[in-house]
Each structure stands twice: as C-alpha cells, then as structure tokens.
Amino acid sequence: MKLRSAIYLASAALSLALLTLASTLPSDAADKVDPVADAKAFKKFFTDKFPKVKLEDFVNGPYSMNEDLYKQWQDKEQFPPYEFSLEMGKEMFSKPFKNGKTYADCFENGGIGVRQNYPYFDAKEGKVITLELALNRCREANGEAPYSYVRDEMAALTAYMAFTSRGKPMDIKIPDDPRALAAYENGKEYFYTRRGQLNFSCATCHVQSPGERIRAEILAPALGIVNAMPIYRSEWSGMGTTSRRFTTCNSQIRGVPLSPQDDEYRNVEYYLSYVSNGLPISGPGARP
C-alpha cells in the first residue's frame, strides 16, 4: 500500500509538471511528433535516474537495478529456464510445412538475425507489423493454422529468432509517412494513458517505479523492455510472448485487455522498440 500511495503521489506530481510544461510551449511545438527527440529524452531520463547502470544493461530489466538480483541473473543464465523453449523453437523453425516450405522462406536472411528489425511499418497496409504477426502470416500463407499469440508455440518461435539476433542493436525505422508517425504517436499515447480500476498507465510502473516491488513483482524499466522478449517468468512457470506481457499488464491493473495483436498493442510495441533503438537484443530473457 505504501508503494501504491507513493506511485499515486509521484504520478500526480509528474502530471502537474507535464501540464505546466505543456502550457508554456507554443501549440505547434507541443503538437509536433518528434520520435528522435523522444528517444533521446527517454534514454536520458533513465540514465539520469540510474547513473550506475550502463545504457546497454537496461535490457536486463530488474536485474540491472540491483546488484544482488544481477548476481542471481548471472547464476540463472548458466542453466537458463528458457532453454527448453529455445530448443523447441529451433526445431519448429526448421521443420517444413506441409507444402515443403519453412519459416525461412518468409523472412529476409532466412529469418536468422532479423529480430532487431521488428516491428516495422508496412506502407502498403498502412500499419505496424510485429514479429508475432509476421510469423502467423507466414503460417497462413503456407496453408497452416495460426498459433495463439499467448501460448508456448509462438513464444518458442520468437525465442529462437531473438536468440539469433542477440547482441544486435534494435534498429526500428519510422518512414517519412504520416501514417507511420500516427502509429508511433498512438503507441506513445497508449503507453502514458491511465486505465483500469487502479488507474495505472504503463509508465506508472515502468517509468516512475522501475526496480521497486509491487506485490511479488519487481518492476522493469521501460527502456529496453521489449529487447528481452519473449521472457520466462517465474510467476508464469513458463514462457511469455510480448502479447502475453501486454494482456497480463492490463489484467493486473484490473483493466480489460485488448485482443492480442490489436492495433494499440502493435503500436505501443512500435513506440517502445523505437525509443530503445541502439540497445542490444537480449532475448529470450528470464524474469523473477
């Protein structure tokens, strides 16, 4: 309860500060969408808040916030709990569909080392395409039924593809297209908008309170949070996709989750990925 009260007070102070700042800006400056400036400010906020944490280490989530947790993470990585999913994903990725093709036929470079390029904005469709969506589209294009976005099969496939990109910097592009800017801005708005009975936003936990505990969960910083996906969570006793993480967060604040891969979820993944550009892919990851 003390943490919740502190969060509310800090949130109120932050909201007041933002309102004050916005009132001093010219309307055209306040309305301008500037992803480059956003990303720079986002990184600066976290590096100022946690000056002892190296920029690239934010992808390690709560383990980057606490020395004891970091040691636990190093021990855990000797026998990673996600290894079963990684092996499953590698086997699934190479297994031919009924028509003889594989996932490699659907992706650049055979799907190896491309995780850092997702999500991307598709100009033909006018929307954001995530890796999870691309995988299911690949399946459907080859006569296979799509997988659930929140179950083990999708987690395994994305775990393997993330592993082949480990260490590569996130490299999300926002093309010179007003629809792409709108998707980015909508994702940003979703991230900072309060919802649910607890009246929390994504930022309430992952910007204002990373490293703190809420119930049994240690909150991760928003910077680099998607770079580690998918993740094994002790709370789940299994793997979870980005879609599972988003829907679970909505449920935890007593809100109504959207459908996995809904426009809003894909847009918020686009936003979080862009502001984490340059940080390494570290997935699959593990969390307490």
C-alpha atoms as a PDB file:
ATOM      1  CA  MET A   1       0.000   0.000   0.000  1.00  0.00           C
ATOM      2  CA  LYS A   2       2.898   2.365   0.735  1.00  0.00           C
ATOM      3  CA  LEU A   3       4.288   1.811  -2.750  1.00  0.00           C
ATOM      4  CA  ARG A   4       0.873   2.348  -4.306  1.00  0.00           C
ATOM      5  CA  SER A   5       0.455   5.607  -2.385  1.00  0.00           C
ATOM      6  CA  ALA A   6       3.915   6.711  -3.400  1.00  0.00           C
ATOM      7  CA  ILE A   7       3.150   5.915  -7.010  1.00  0.00           C
ATOM      8  CA  TYR A   8      -0.049   7.927  -6.898  1.00  0.00           C
ATOM      9  CA  LEU A   9       1.706  10.930  -5.335  1.00  0.00           C
ATOM     10  CA  ALA A  10       4.609  10.778  -7.752  1.00  0.00           C
ATOM     11  CA  SER A  11       2.205  10.365 -10.634  1.00  0.00           C
ATOM     12  CA  ALA A  12       0.200  13.388  -9.594  1.00  0.00           C
ATOM     13  CA  ALA A  13       3.360  15.470  -9.325  1.00  0.00           C
ATOM     14  CA  LEU A  14       4.550  14.294 -12.727  1.00  0.00           C
ATOM     15  CA  SER A  15       1.178  15.038 -14.323  1.00  0.00           C
ATOM     16  CA  LEU A  16       1.201  18.559 -12.850  1.00  0.00           C
ATOM     17  CA  ALA A  17       4.731  19.156 -14.116  1.00  0.00           C
ATOM     18  CA  LEU A  18       3.829  17.968 -17.594  1.00  0.00           C
ATOM     19  CA  LEU A  19       0.739  20.141 -17.690  1.00  0.00           C
ATOM     20  CA  THR A  20       2.790  23.151 -16.608  1.00  0.00           C
ATOM     21  CA  LEU A  21       5.419  22.462 -19.248  1.00  0.00           C
ATOM     22  CA  ALA A  22       2.830  21.961 -21.972  1.00  0.00           C
ATOM     23  CA  SER A  23       1.194  25.282 -21.149  1.00  0.00           C
ATOM     24  CA  THR A  24       4.474  27.106 -21.800  1.00  0.00           C
ATOM     25  CA  LEU A  25       5.027  25.589 -25.244  1.00  0.00           C
ATOM     26  CA  PRO A  26       3.719  27.070 -28.481  1.00  0.00           C
ATOM     27  CA  SER A  27       0.872  24.965 -29.839  1.00  0.00           C
ATOM     28  CA  ASP A  28       2.829  23.878 -32.925  1.00  0.00           C
ATOM     29  CA  ALA A  29       5.785  22.714 -30.791  1.00  0.00           C
ATOM     30  CA  ALA A  30       3.542  20.871 -28.358  1.00  0.00           C
ATOM     31  CA  ASP A  31       1.736  19.088 -31.206  1.00  0.00           C
ATOM     32  CA  LYS A  32       4.818  18.136 -33.226  1.00  0.00           C
ATOM     33  CA  VAL A  33       5.656  14.422 -33.371  1.00  0.00           C
ATOM     34  CA  ASP A  34       9.426  14.051 -32.972  1.00  0.00           C
ATOM     35  CA  PRO A  35      10.488  10.407 -32.407  1.00  0.00           C
ATOM     36  CA  VAL A  36      14.202  11.277 -32.482  1.00  0.00           C
ATOM     37  CA  ALA A  37      13.794  13.792 -29.659  1.00  0.00           C
ATOM     38  CA  ASP A  38      11.567  11.353 -27.782  1.00  0.00           C
ATOM     39  CA  ALA A  39      14.156   8.587 -27.932  1.00  0.00           C
ATOM     40  CA  LYS A  40      16.927  10.910 -26.801  1.00  0.00           C
ATOM     41  CA  ALA A  41      14.868  12.192 -23.858  1.00  0.00           C
ATOM     42  CA  PHE A  42      13.712   8.678 -22.945  1.00  0.00           C
ATOM     43  CA  LYS A  43      17.277   7.374 -22.694  1.00  0.00           C
ATOM     44  CA  LYS A  44      18.419  10.468 -20.798  1.00  0.00           C
ATOM     45  CA  PHE A  45      15.620  10.054 -18.254  1.00  0.00           C
ATOM     46  CA  PHE A  46      16.708   6.517 -17.386  1.00  0.00           C
ATOM     47  CA  THR A  47      20.445   7.132 -17.442  1.00  0.00           C
ATOM     48  CA  ASP A  48      19.952  10.162 -15.167  1.00  0.00           C
ATOM     49  CA  LYS A  49      17.675   8.166 -12.854  1.00  0.00           C
ATOM     50  CA  PHE A  50      20.087   5.221 -12.708  1.00  0.00           C
ATOM     51  CA  PRO A  51      23.567   6.708 -13.329  1.00  0.00           C
ATOM     52  CA  LYS A  52      25.352   3.491 -12.284  1.00  0.00           C
ATOM     53  CA  VAL A  53      23.565   1.379 -14.902  1.00  0.00           C
ATOM     54  CA  LYS A  54      25.224   1.181 -18.318  1.00  0.00           C
ATOM     55  CA  LEU A  55      22.888   2.056 -21.170  1.00  0.00           C
ATOM     56  CA  GLU A  56      23.165  -1.391 -22.750  1.00  0.00           C
ATOM     57  CA  ASP A  57      22.365  -3.092 -19.425  1.00  0.00           C
ATOM     58  CA  PHE A  58      18.822  -1.731 -19.231  1.00  0.00           C
ATOM     59  CA  VAL A  59      17.774  -4.651 -21.443  1.00  0.00           C
ATOM     60  CA  ASN A  60      18.339  -6.884 -18.410  1.00  0.00           C
ATOM     61  CA  GLY A  61      15.269  -5.405 -16.760  1.00  0.00           C
ATOM     62  CA  PRO A  62      15.106  -5.561 -12.953  1.00  0.00           C
ATOM     63  CA  TYR A  63      18.447  -7.381 -12.843  1.00  0.00           C
ATOM     64  CA  SER A  64      20.145  -4.159 -13.937  1.00  0.00           C
ATOM     65  CA  MET A  65      18.613  -2.287 -10.987  1.00  0.00           C
ATOM     66  CA  ASN A  66      20.005  -4.356  -8.122  1.00  0.00           C
ATOM     67  CA  GLU A  67      23.418  -5.926  -7.537  1.00  0.00           C
ATOM     68  CA  ASP A  68      22.044  -8.991  -5.728  1.00  0.00           C
ATOM     69  CA  LEU A  69      19.483  -9.577  -8.454  1.00  0.00           C
ATOM     70  CA  TYR A  70      22.214  -9.205 -11.063  1.00  0.00           C
ATOM     71  CA  LYS A  71      24.203 -11.988  -9.408  1.00  0.00           C
ATOM     72  CA  GLN A  72      21.086 -14.167  -9.357  1.00  0.00           C
ATOM     73  CA  TRP A  73      20.603 -13.498 -13.055  1.00  0.00           C
ATOM     74  CA  GLN A  74      24.204 -14.460 -13.840  1.00  0.00           C
ATOM     75  CA  ASP A  75      23.742 -17.746 -11.979  1.00  0.00           C
ATOM     76  CA  LYS A  76      20.432 -18.354 -13.726  1.00  0.00           C
ATOM     77  CA  GLU A  77      22.000 -17.824 -17.140  1.00  0.00           C
ATOM     78  CA  GLN A  78      24.276 -20.826 -16.524  1.00  0.00           C
ATOM     79  CA  PHE A  79      21.192 -23.039 -16.840  1.00  0.00           C
ATOM     80  CA  PRO A  80      18.601 -20.697 -18.345  1.00  0.00           C
ATOM     81  CA  PRO A  81      14.969 -21.595 -17.665  1.00  0.00           C
ATOM     82  CA  TYR A  82      14.047 -20.663 -21.240  1.00  0.00           C
ATOM     83  CA  GLU A  83      16.395 -23.231 -22.794  1.00  0.00           C
ATOM     84  CA  PHE A  84      13.581 -25.738 -23.371  1.00  0.00           C
ATOM     85  CA  SER A  85      11.673 -23.114 -25.361  1.00  0.00           C
ATOM     86  CA  LEU A  86      14.736 -22.146 -27.351  1.00  0.00           C
ATOM     87  CA  GLU A  87      15.326 -25.738 -28.420  1.00  0.00           C
ATOM     88  CA  MET A  88      11.652 -26.179 -29.262  1.00  0.00           C
ATOM     89  CA  GLY A  89      11.678 -23.006 -31.353  1.00  0.00           C
ATOM     90  CA  LYS A  90      14.773 -24.031 -33.285  1.00  0.00           C
ATOM     91  CA  GLU A  91      13.186 -27.360 -34.189  1.00  0.00           C
ATOM     92  CA  MET A  92       9.882 -25.730 -35.160  1.00  0.00           C
ATOM     93  CA  PHE A  93      11.604 -23.084 -37.266  1.00  0.00           C
ATOM     94  CA  SER A  94      13.399 -25.636 -39.437  1.00  0.00           C
ATOM     95  CA  LYS A  95      10.538 -28.132 -39.729  1.00  0.00           C
ATOM     96  CA  PRO A  96       8.903 -27.897 -43.196  1.00  0.00           C
ATOM     97  CA  PHE A  97       5.261 -27.017 -43.594  1.00  0.00           C
ATOM     98  CA  LYS A  98       3.030 -29.493 -45.418  1.00  0.00           C
ATOM     99  CA  ASN A  99       3.878 -27.740 -48.694  1.00  0.00           C
ATOM    100  CA  GLY A 100       7.604 -28.224 -48.124  1.00  0.00           C
ATOM    101  CA  LYS A 101       8.456 -24.611 -47.327  1.00  0.00           C
ATOM    102  CA  THR A 102       9.671 -23.323 -43.960  1.00  0.00           C
ATOM    103  CA  TYR A 103       9.618 -20.090 -41.975  1.00  0.00           C
ATOM    104  CA  ALA A 104      12.925 -19.206 -43.599  1.00  0.00           C
ATOM    105  CA  ASP A 105      11.089 -18.676 -46.891  1.00  0.00           C
ATOM    106  CA  CYS A 106       9.056 -15.836 -45.354  1.00  0.00           C
ATOM    107  CA  PHE A 107      11.844 -13.667 -43.954  1.00  0.00           C
ATOM    108  CA  GLU A 108      14.918 -11.812 -45.116  1.00  0.00           C
ATOM    109  CA  ASN A 109      18.151 -13.672 -44.479  1.00  0.00           C
ATOM    110  CA  GLY A 110      16.148 -16.823 -43.891  1.00  0.00           C
ATOM    111  CA  GLY A 111      14.814 -15.357 -40.643  1.00  0.00           C
ATOM    112  CA  ILE A 112      18.225 -15.510 -38.972  1.00  0.00           C
ATOM    113  CA  GLY A 113      19.435 -12.363 -37.216  1.00  0.00           C
ATOM    114  CA  VAL A 114      16.427 -10.207 -38.143  1.00  0.00           C
ATOM    115  CA  ARG A 115      14.637  -9.802 -34.789  1.00  0.00           C
ATOM    116  CA  GLN A 116      16.070  -6.297 -34.311  1.00  0.00           C
ATOM    117  CA  ASN A 117      14.112  -5.057 -37.343  1.00  0.00           C
ATOM    118  CA  TYR A 118      10.703  -5.812 -35.831  1.00  0.00           C
ATOM    119  CA  PRO A 119       8.205  -4.282 -35.555  1.00  0.00           C
ATOM    120  CA  TYR A 120       8.210  -2.292 -38.793  1.00  0.00           C
ATOM    121  CA  PHE A 121       5.686  -0.081 -40.542  1.00  0.00           C
ATOM    122  CA  ASP A 122       4.245  -1.589 -43.706  1.00  0.00           C
ATOM    123  CA  ALA A 123       3.498   1.188 -46.195  1.00  0.00           C
ATOM    124  CA  LYS A 124       1.215  -0.992 -48.345  1.00  0.00           C
ATOM    125  CA  GLU A 125      -1.037  -1.936 -45.449  1.00  0.00           C
ATOM    126  CA  GLY A 126      -0.575   1.277 -43.539  1.00  0.00           C
ATOM    127  CA  LYS A 127       0.055  -0.463 -40.217  1.00  0.00           C
ATOM    128  CA  VAL A 128       2.688  -1.869 -37.892  1.00  0.00           C
ATOM    129  CA  ILE A 129       3.809  -5.464 -38.425  1.00  0.00           C
ATOM    130  CA  THR A 130       5.274  -7.243 -35.394  1.00  0.00           C
ATOM    131  CA  LEU A 131       7.347 -10.409 -35.461  1.00  0.00           C
ATOM    132  CA  GLU A 132       4.494 -12.393 -33.932  1.00  0.00           C
ATOM    133  CA  LEU A 133       2.089 -11.178 -36.609  1.00  0.00           C
ATOM    134  CA  ALA A 134       4.628 -11.893 -39.361  1.00  0.00           C
ATOM    135  CA  LEU A 135       5.093 -15.466 -38.116  1.00  0.00           C
ATOM    136  CA  ASN A 136       1.380 -16.210 -38.167  1.00  0.00           C
ATOM    137  CA  ARG A 137       1.036 -14.650 -41.599  1.00  0.00           C
ATOM    138  CA  CYS A 138       3.830 -16.914 -42.766  1.00  0.00           C
ATOM    139  CA  ARG A 139       1.945 -19.916 -41.444  1.00  0.00           C
ATOM    140  CA  GLU A 140      -1.313 -18.910 -43.068  1.00  0.00           C
ATOM    141  CA  ALA A 141       0.374 -18.145 -46.405  1.00  0.00           C
ATOM    142  CA  ASN A 142       1.673 -21.713 -46.381  1.00  0.00           C
ATOM    143  CA  GLY A 143      -1.625 -23.355 -45.532  1.00  0.00           C
ATOM    144  CA  GLU A 144      -1.043 -23.726 -41.789  1.00  0.00           C
ATOM    145  CA  ALA A 145      -3.321 -22.632 -38.965  1.00  0.00           C
ATOM    146  CA  PRO A 146      -2.113 -19.617 -36.967  1.00  0.00           C
ATOM    147  CA  TYR A 147      -0.760 -20.085 -33.466  1.00  0.00           C
ATOM    148  CA  SER A 148      -2.154 -18.404 -30.376  1.00  0.00           C
ATOM    149  CA  TYR A 149      -0.232 -15.210 -29.678  1.00  0.00           C
ATOM    150  CA  VAL A 150      -0.015 -16.005 -25.972  1.00  0.00           C
ATOM    151  CA  ARG A 151       0.897 -19.693 -25.942  1.00  0.00           C
ATOM    152  CA  ASP A 152       4.084 -21.745 -25.959  1.00  0.00           C
ATOM    153  CA  GLU A 153       4.430 -22.251 -29.716  1.00  0.00           C
ATOM    154  CA  MET A 154       4.641 -18.545 -30.521  1.00  0.00           C
ATOM    155  CA  ALA A 155       6.911 -17.969 -27.543  1.00  0.00           C
ATOM    156  CA  ALA A 156       9.263 -20.706 -28.751  1.00  0.00           C
ATOM    157  CA  LEU A 157       9.483 -19.390 -32.310  1.00  0.00           C
ATOM    158  CA  THR A 158      10.147 -15.828 -31.220  1.00  0.00           C
ATOM    159  CA  ALA A 159      12.657 -17.053 -28.621  1.00  0.00           C
ATOM    160  CA  TYR A 160      14.698 -18.781 -31.304  1.00  0.00           C
ATOM    161  CA  MET A 161      14.570 -15.811 -33.676  1.00  0.00           C
ATOM    162  CA  ALA A 162      15.529 -13.436 -30.855  1.00  0.00           C
ATOM    163  CA  PHE A 163      18.441 -15.682 -29.917  1.00  0.00           C
ATOM    164  CA  THR A 164      19.830 -15.478 -33.456  1.00  0.00           C
ATOM    165  CA  SER A 165      19.867 -11.684 -33.078  1.00  0.00           C
ATOM    166  CA  ARG A 166      21.422 -11.478 -29.624  1.00  0.00           C
ATOM    167  CA  GLY A 167      23.770  -8.529 -29.332  1.00  0.00           C
ATOM    168  CA  LYS A 168      22.455  -6.812 -32.452  1.00  0.00           C
ATOM    169  CA  PRO A 169      21.197  -3.288 -31.767  1.00  0.00           C
ATOM    170  CA  MET A 170      17.483  -2.620 -32.049  1.00  0.00           C
ATOM    171  CA  ASP A 171      17.015  -0.886 -35.391  1.00  0.00           C
ATOM    172  CA  ILE A 172      13.443   0.308 -35.837  1.00  0.00           C
ATOM    173  CA  LYS A 173      12.668   2.720 -38.641  1.00  0.00           C
ATOM    174  CA  ILE A 174       9.866   5.273 -38.839  1.00  0.00           C
ATOM    175  CA  PRO A 175       9.445   6.092 -42.530  1.00  0.00           C
ATOM    176  CA  ASP A 176       8.523   9.537 -43.803  1.00  0.00           C
ATOM    177  CA  ASP A 177       4.847   8.652 -43.833  1.00  0.00           C
ATOM    178  CA  PRO A 178       2.210  10.423 -41.728  1.00  0.00           C
ATOM    179  CA  ARG A 179       0.546   7.062 -41.038  1.00  0.00           C
ATOM    180  CA  ALA A 180       3.775   5.722 -39.535  1.00  0.00           C
ATOM    181  CA  LEU A 181       4.127   8.804 -37.343  1.00  0.00           C
ATOM    182  CA  ALA A 182       0.498   8.414 -36.297  1.00  0.00           C
ATOM    183  CA  ALA A 183       1.078   4.761 -35.335  1.00  0.00           C
ATOM    184  CA  TYR A 184       4.130   5.758 -33.295  1.00  0.00           C
ATOM    185  CA  GLU A 185       2.272   8.594 -31.585  1.00  0.00           C
ATOM    186  CA  ASN A 186      -0.723   6.358 -30.866  1.00  0.00           C
ATOM    187  CA  GLY A 187       1.604   3.832 -29.267  1.00  0.00           C
ATOM    188  CA  LYS A 188       3.171   6.548 -27.148  1.00  0.00           C
ATOM    189  CA  GLU A 189      -0.268   7.806 -26.104  1.00  0.00           C
ATOM    190  CA  TYR A 190      -1.367   4.308 -25.131  1.00  0.00           C
ATOM    191  CA  PHE A 191       1.774   3.863 -23.038  1.00  0.00           C
ATOM    192  CA  TYR A 192       1.101   7.012 -20.987  1.00  0.00           C
ATOM    193  CA  THR A 193      -2.700   6.744 -20.730  1.00  0.00           C
ATOM    194  CA  ARG A 194      -4.232   5.592 -17.445  1.00  0.00           C
ATOM    195  CA  ARG A 195      -6.738   2.757 -17.475  1.00  0.00           C
ATOM    196  CA  GLY A 196      -8.267   0.049 -15.328  1.00  0.00           C
ATOM    197  CA  GLN A 197      -9.661   0.205 -11.799  1.00  0.00           C
ATOM    198  CA  LEU A 198      -6.204   1.006 -10.439  1.00  0.00           C
ATOM    199  CA  ASN A 199      -5.934   3.963 -12.836  1.00  0.00           C
ATOM    200  CA  PHE A 200      -2.400   2.991 -13.841  1.00  0.00           C
ATOM    201  CA  SER A 201      -0.636   3.605 -17.124  1.00  0.00           C
ATOM    202  CA  CYS A 202       2.239   1.512 -18.455  1.00  0.00           C
ATOM    203  CA  ALA A 203       4.503   4.391 -17.422  1.00  0.00           C
ATOM    204  CA  THR A 204       3.263   4.333 -13.826  1.00  0.00           C
ATOM    205  CA  CYS A 205       5.211   1.137 -13.213  1.00  0.00           C
ATOM    206  CA  HIS A 206       7.877   1.116 -15.904  1.00  0.00           C
ATOM    207  CA  VAL A 207       8.953   4.773 -15.951  1.00  0.00           C
ATOM    208  CA  GLN A 208       8.198   6.052 -12.452  1.00  0.00           C
ATOM    209  CA  SER A 209       8.967   2.948 -10.400  1.00  0.00           C
ATOM    210  CA  PRO A 210      11.420   0.523 -12.051  1.00  0.00           C
ATOM    211  CA  GLY A 211      13.323  -1.550  -9.513  1.00  0.00           C
ATOM    212  CA  GLU A 212      10.536  -1.222  -6.964  1.00  0.00           C
ATOM    213  CA  ARG A 213       8.284  -4.068  -5.902  1.00  0.00           C
ATOM    214  CA  ILE A 214       4.574  -4.205  -6.459  1.00  0.00           C
ATOM    215  CA  ARG A 215       3.192  -7.330  -4.828  1.00  0.00           C
ATOM    216  CA  ALA A 216       5.781 -10.008  -5.634  1.00  0.00           C
ATOM    217  CA  GLU A 217       6.853  -8.434  -8.918  1.00  0.00           C
ATOM    218  CA  ILE A 218       9.995  -6.364  -9.390  1.00  0.00           C
ATOM    219  CA  LEU A 219       9.233  -3.659 -11.920  1.00  0.00           C
ATOM    220  CA  ALA A 220      11.390  -3.456 -15.047  1.00  0.00           C
ATOM    221  CA  PRO A 221      12.431  -0.207 -16.723  1.00  0.00           C
ATOM    222  CA  ALA A 222      10.593   0.592 -19.943  1.00  0.00           C
ATOM    223  CA  LEU A 223      13.900   1.297 -21.670  1.00  0.00           C
ATOM    224  CA  GLY A 224      14.958  -1.944 -23.351  1.00  0.00           C
ATOM    225  CA  ILE A 225      11.965  -3.870 -22.030  1.00  0.00           C
ATOM    226  CA  VAL A 226      10.992  -5.273 -25.436  1.00  0.00           C
ATOM    227  CA  ASN A 227      14.597  -6.124 -26.345  1.00  0.00           C
ATOM    228  CA  ALA A 228      14.440  -9.076 -23.947  1.00  0.00           C
ATOM    229  CA  MET A 229      11.210 -10.567 -25.267  1.00  0.00           C
ATOM    230  CA  PRO A 230       9.992 -13.258 -25.119  1.00  0.00           C
ATOM    231  CA  ILE A 231      10.663 -13.977 -21.459  1.00  0.00           C
ATOM    232  CA  TYR A 232      10.445 -16.792 -18.962  1.00  0.00           C
ATOM    233  CA  ARG A 233       8.679 -15.593 -15.824  1.00  0.00           C
ATOM    234  CA  SER A 234       8.766 -17.492 -12.555  1.00  0.00           C
ATOM    235  CA  GLU A 235       5.248 -16.164 -11.953  1.00  0.00           C
ATOM    236  CA  TRP A 236       4.081 -17.988 -15.103  1.00  0.00           C
ATOM    237  CA  SER A 237       6.327 -21.047 -14.699  1.00  0.00           C
ATOM    238  CA  GLY A 238       6.799 -20.751 -18.429  1.00  0.00           C
ATOM    239  CA  MET A 239       7.488 -18.527 -21.405  1.00  0.00           C
ATOM    240  CA  GLY A 240       5.535 -15.470 -22.415  1.00  0.00           C
ATOM    241  CA  THR A 241       5.318 -13.526 -25.643  1.00  0.00           C
ATOM    242  CA  THR A 242       5.107  -9.764 -25.962  1.00  0.00           C
ATOM    243  CA  SER A 243       1.367 -10.216 -26.495  1.00  0.00           C
ATOM    244  CA  ARG A 244       1.067 -12.158 -23.252  1.00  0.00           C
ATOM    245  CA  ARG A 245       3.002  -9.473 -21.377  1.00  0.00           C
ATOM    246  CA  PHE A 246       0.729  -6.696 -22.661  1.00  0.00           C
ATOM    247  CA  THR A 247      -2.531  -8.509 -21.916  1.00  0.00           C
ATOM    248  CA  THR A 248      -1.275  -9.568 -18.477  1.00  0.00           C
ATOM    249  CA  CYS A 249      -0.333  -5.979 -17.619  1.00  0.00           C
ATOM    250  CA  ASN A 250      -3.828  -4.809 -18.499  1.00  0.00           C
ATOM    251  CA  SER A 251      -5.338  -7.526 -16.308  1.00  0.00           C
ATOM    252  CA  GLN A 252      -3.042  -6.703 -13.380  1.00  0.00           C
ATOM    253  CA  ILE A 253      -4.309  -3.127 -13.255  1.00  0.00           C
ATOM    254  CA  ARG A 254      -7.862  -4.508 -13.386  1.00  0.00           C
ATOM    255  CA  GLY A 255      -8.419  -3.249 -16.883  1.00  0.00           C
ATOM    256  CA  VAL A 256      -9.918  -5.012 -19.874  1.00  0.00           C
ATOM    257  CA  PRO A 257      -7.168  -6.475 -22.088  1.00  0.00           C
ATOM    258  CA  LEU A 258      -7.354  -5.907 -25.812  1.00  0.00           C
ATOM    259  CA  SER A 259      -7.156  -8.785 -28.265  1.00  0.00           C
ATOM    260  CA  PRO A 260      -3.549  -9.898 -28.802  1.00  0.00           C
ATOM    261  CA  GLN A 261      -2.008  -8.047 -31.760  1.00  0.00           C
ATOM    262  CA  ASP A 262      -4.712  -5.385 -31.669  1.00  0.00           C
ATOM    263  CA  ASP A 263      -3.646  -2.113 -33.325  1.00  0.00           C
ATOM    264  CA  GLU A 264      -2.977  -0.445 -29.968  1.00  0.00           C
ATOM    265  CA  TYR A 265      -0.702  -3.243 -28.766  1.00  0.00           C
ATOM    266  CA  ARG A 266       1.258  -3.281 -32.006  1.00  0.00           C
ATOM    267  CA  ASN A 267       1.609   0.484 -31.889  1.00  0.00           C
ATOM    268  CA  VAL A 268       2.842   0.524 -28.294  1.00  0.00           C
ATOM    269  CA  GLU A 269       5.401  -2.156 -29.219  1.00  0.00           C
ATOM    270  CA  TYR A 270       6.469   0.100 -32.113  1.00  0.00           C
ATOM    271  CA  TYR A 271       6.911   3.023 -29.723  1.00  0.00           C
ATOM    272  CA  LEU A 272       8.821   1.071 -27.072  1.00  0.00           C
ATOM    273  CA  SER A 273      11.054  -0.545 -29.675  1.00  0.00           C
ATOM    274  CA  TYR A 274      11.899   2.754 -31.349  1.00  0.00           C
ATOM    275  CA  VAL A 275      12.861   4.547 -28.130  1.00  0.00           C
ATOM    276  CA  SER A 276      15.082   1.535 -27.328  1.00  0.00           C
ATOM    277  CA  ASN A 277      16.938   1.760 -30.637  1.00  0.00           C
ATOM    278  CA  GLY A 278      20.642   1.059 -30.280  1.00  0.00           C
ATOM    279  CA  LEU A 279      20.247  -1.171 -27.239  1.00  0.00           C
ATOM    280  CA  PRO A 280      21.102  -4.825 -27.891  1.00  0.00           C
ATOM    281  CA  ILE A 281      18.639  -7.622 -28.402  1.00  0.00           C
ATOM    282  CA  SER A 282      18.920  -9.825 -25.306  1.00  0.00           C
ATOM    283  CA  GLY A 283      16.003 -12.198 -25.764  1.00  0.00           C
ATOM    284  CA  PRO A 284      14.941 -14.683 -24.838  1.00  0.00           C
ATOM    285  CA  GLY A 285      15.092 -13.434 -21.290  1.00  0.00           C
ATOM    286  CA  ALA A 286      14.129 -14.535 -17.792  1.00  0.00           C
ATOM    287  CA  ARG A 287      12.457 -12.540 -15.047  1.00  0.00           C
ATOM    288  CA  PRO A 288      11.625 -13.218 -11.389  1.00  0.00           C
END
